[in-house]
C-alpha atoms as a PDB file:
ATOM      1  CA  MET A   1      -8.261  18.167  22.761  1.00  0.00           C
ATOM      2  CA  LEU A   2      -8.557  15.174  20.084  1.00  0.00           C
ATOM      3  CA  LYS A   3      -6.875  12.422  22.137  1.00  0.00           C
ATOM      4  CA  LYS A   4     -10.171  13.307  24.543  1.00  0.00           C
ATOM      5  CA  ILE A   5     -12.555  12.850  21.753  1.00  0.00           C
ATOM      6  CA  ILE A   6     -10.908   9.740  20.666  1.00  0.00           C
ATOM      7  CA  ASN A   7     -10.990   8.296  24.745  1.00  0.00           C
ATOM      8  CA  LYS A   8     -14.991   9.417  24.912  1.00  0.00           C
ATOM      9  CA  LEU A   9     -15.970   7.734  21.456  1.00  0.00           C
ATOM     10  CA  SER A  10     -14.160   4.591  22.400  1.00  0.00           C
ATOM     11  CA  GLU A  11     -15.113   4.893  26.743  1.00  0.00           C
ATOM     12  CA  TRP A  12     -19.005   4.876  24.131  1.00  0.00           C
ATOM     13  CA  LEU A  13     -18.072   2.310  21.474  1.00  0.00           C
ATOM     14  CA  GLU A  14     -17.354  -0.065  24.702  1.00  0.00           C
ATOM     15  CA  ASP A  15     -19.784   0.372  26.539  1.00  0.00           C
ATOM     16  CA  GLY A  16     -22.411   0.279  24.092  1.00  0.00           C
ATOM     17  CA  LEU A  17     -20.910  -3.144  23.027  1.00  0.00           C
ATOM     18  CA  ARG A  18     -20.634  -4.438  26.600  1.00  0.00           C
ATOM     19  CA  GLY A  19     -25.095  -3.748  26.724  1.00  0.00           C
ATOM     20  CA  LEU A  20     -25.461  -5.529  23.657  1.00  0.00           C
ATOM     21  CA  LEU A  21     -22.966  -8.471  23.854  1.00  0.00           C
ATOM     22  CA  GLY A  22     -24.386  -8.829  27.757  1.00  0.00           C
ATOM     23  CA  ARG A  23     -27.563 -10.026  26.659  1.00  0.00           C
ATOM     24  CA  ILE A  24     -26.194 -12.573  24.465  1.00  0.00           C
ATOM     25  CA  THR A  25     -26.104 -16.033  26.787  1.00  0.00           C
ATOM     26  CA  PRO A  26     -23.174 -17.618  26.378  1.00  0.00           C
ATOM     27  CA  GLY A  27     -24.174 -20.437  23.988  1.00  0.00           C
ATOM     28  CA  GLY A  28     -25.379 -17.204  21.827  1.00  0.00           C
ATOM     29  CA  ARG A  29     -21.987 -15.542  21.828  1.00  0.00           C
ATOM     30  CA  PHE A  30     -20.370 -18.918  20.900  1.00  0.00           C
ATOM     31  CA  TYR A  31     -22.686 -18.694  17.654  1.00  0.00           C
ATOM     32  CA  LEU A  32     -22.124 -15.341  17.274  1.00  0.00           C
ATOM     33  CA  VAL A  33     -18.291 -15.814  17.569  1.00  0.00           C
ATOM     34  CA  VAL A  34     -18.355 -18.964  14.876  1.00  0.00           C
ATOM     35  CA  THR A  35     -20.932 -17.703  12.810  1.00  0.00           C
ATOM     36  CA  MET A  36     -18.836 -14.223  12.646  1.00  0.00           C
ATOM     37  CA  LEU A  37     -15.193 -16.441  11.511  1.00  0.00           C
ATOM     38  CA  PHE A  38     -16.961 -17.847   8.774  1.00  0.00           C
ATOM     39  CA  VAL A  39     -18.175 -15.074   7.338  1.00  0.00           C
ATOM     40  CA  PHE A  40     -15.110 -13.410   7.181  1.00  0.00           C
ATOM     41  CA  SER A  41     -13.131 -16.379   6.299  1.00  0.00           C
ATOM     42  CA  GLY A  42     -14.951 -16.654   3.418  1.00  0.00           C
ATOM     43  CA  LEU A  43     -14.878 -13.188   2.126  1.00  0.00           C
ATOM     44  CA  SER A  44     -10.783 -13.118   2.550  1.00  0.00           C
ATOM     45  CA  ILE A  45     -11.004 -16.703   0.704  1.00  0.00           C
ATOM     46  CA  TYR A  46     -12.737 -15.284  -1.619  1.00  0.00           C
ATOM     47  CA  MET A  47     -11.231 -12.213  -2.362  1.00  0.00           C
ATOM     48  CA  THR A  48      -7.455 -14.641  -2.236  1.00  0.00           C
ATOM     49  CA  VAL A  49      -8.952 -16.611  -4.820  1.00  0.00           C
ATOM     50  CA  SER A  50     -10.981 -13.543  -7.436  1.00  0.00           C
ATOM     51  CA  SER A  51      -7.373 -11.277  -7.135  1.00  0.00           C
ATOM     52  CA  ILE A  52      -5.239 -14.264  -8.115  1.00  0.00           C
ATOM     53  CA  TYR A  53      -7.764 -14.741 -10.995  1.00  0.00           C
ATOM     54  CA  ASN A  54      -7.817 -11.495 -11.727  1.00  0.00           C
ATOM     55  CA  ILE A  55      -3.346 -10.964 -12.772  1.00  0.00           C
ATOM     56  CA  GLY A  56      -3.391 -10.589 -16.008  1.00  0.00           C
ATOM     57  CA  LYS A  57      -6.227  -9.915 -17.313  1.00  0.00           C
ATOM     58  CA  GLU A  58      -7.883  -6.699 -18.594  1.00  0.00           C
ATOM     59  CA  LYS A  59      -7.076  -4.413 -16.139  1.00  0.00           C
ATOM     60  CA  GLY A  60      -3.154  -6.059 -16.155  1.00  0.00           C
ATOM     61  CA  GLU A  61      -2.696  -5.354 -19.653  1.00  0.00           C
ATOM     62  CA  MET A  62      -3.131  -1.772 -19.797  1.00  0.00           C
ATOM     63  CA  LEU A  63      -0.244  -1.043 -17.871  1.00  0.00           C
ATOM     64  CA  GLN A  64       2.699  -0.839 -20.006  1.00  0.00           C
ATOM     65  CA  ILE A  65       6.667  -0.191 -19.105  1.00  0.00           C
ATOM     66  CA  GLU A  66       8.390   2.569 -19.962  1.00  0.00           C
ATOM     67  CA  ARG A  67      12.176   2.833 -20.675  1.00  0.00           C
ATOM     68  CA  ILE A  68      13.761   5.520 -18.526  1.00  0.00           C
ATOM     69  CA  GLU A  69      15.776   7.856 -20.911  1.00  0.00           C
ATOM     70  CA  ALA A  70      19.311   9.310 -19.817  1.00  0.00           C
ATOM     71  CA  LEU A  71      19.233  12.883 -18.264  1.00  0.00           C
ATOM     72  CA  LYS A  72      20.059  15.705 -21.104  1.00  0.00           C
ATOM     73  CA  LEU A  73      20.623  18.106 -18.151  1.00  0.00           C
ATOM     74  CA  GLN A  74      24.452  16.216 -16.516  1.00  0.00           C
ATOM     75  CA  LEU A  75      24.839  15.593 -20.167  1.00  0.00           C
ATOM     76  CA  ASP A  76      24.855  19.318 -21.464  1.00  0.00           C
ATOM     77  CA  GLN A  77      26.158  20.639 -18.000  1.00  0.00           C
ATOM     78  CA  ALA A  78      28.968  18.301 -18.891  1.00  0.00           C
ATOM     79  CA  LYS A  79      29.487  20.264 -22.235  1.00  0.00           C
ATOM     80  CA  LYS A  80      29.365  23.606 -20.449  1.00  0.00           C
ATOM     81  CA  ASP A  81      31.733  23.138 -17.529  1.00  0.00           C
ATOM     82  CA  SER A  82      35.544  23.750 -18.500  1.00  0.00           C
ATOM     83  CA  ILE A  83      37.675  21.212 -16.127  1.00  0.00           C
ATOM     84  CA  ILE A  84      35.041  18.298 -16.983  1.00  0.00           C
ATOM     85  CA  ASN A  85      35.742  19.420 -20.819  1.00  0.00           C
ATOM     86  CA  LYS A  86      39.429  20.257 -20.276  1.00  0.00           C
ATOM     87  CA  GLN A  87      39.857  16.492 -18.521  1.00  0.00           C
ATOM     88  CA  LEU A  88      37.858  14.675 -21.717  1.00  0.00           C
ATOM     89  CA  ASN A  89      40.711  17.297 -24.008  1.00  0.00           C
ATOM     90  CA  ASP A  90      43.440  15.225 -21.916  1.00  0.00           C
ATOM     91  CA  LEU A  91      41.903  11.958 -21.579  1.00  0.00           C
ATOM     92  CA  LYS A  92      41.777  11.790 -25.704  1.00  0.00           C
ATOM     93  CA  ASN A  93      44.889  13.146 -26.449  1.00  0.00           C
ATOM     94  CA  GLY A  94      47.105  10.802 -23.960  1.00  0.00           C
ATOM     95  CA  LYS A  95      48.155  13.432 -21.244  1.00  0.00           C
END
């Protein structure tokens, strides 16, 4: 059902675009494409330069890295496990 809706929507958009662009002369299409190229490339360059410029600014300084702490669960479990305790005692006693 969703696939049918998506297909109908894409066909409707395609028909609309063909209707709009079909009225434009070939020279007009060329100018439209070149204009869109300049606009989108300008936006791309602006976003790239502004993101590089903003690296390390106030927003970046607010991030702090915390150290990962050892899991206490593993240590507590190791103390409770009798087999591990026996092995540790054997190692300490040199057996």
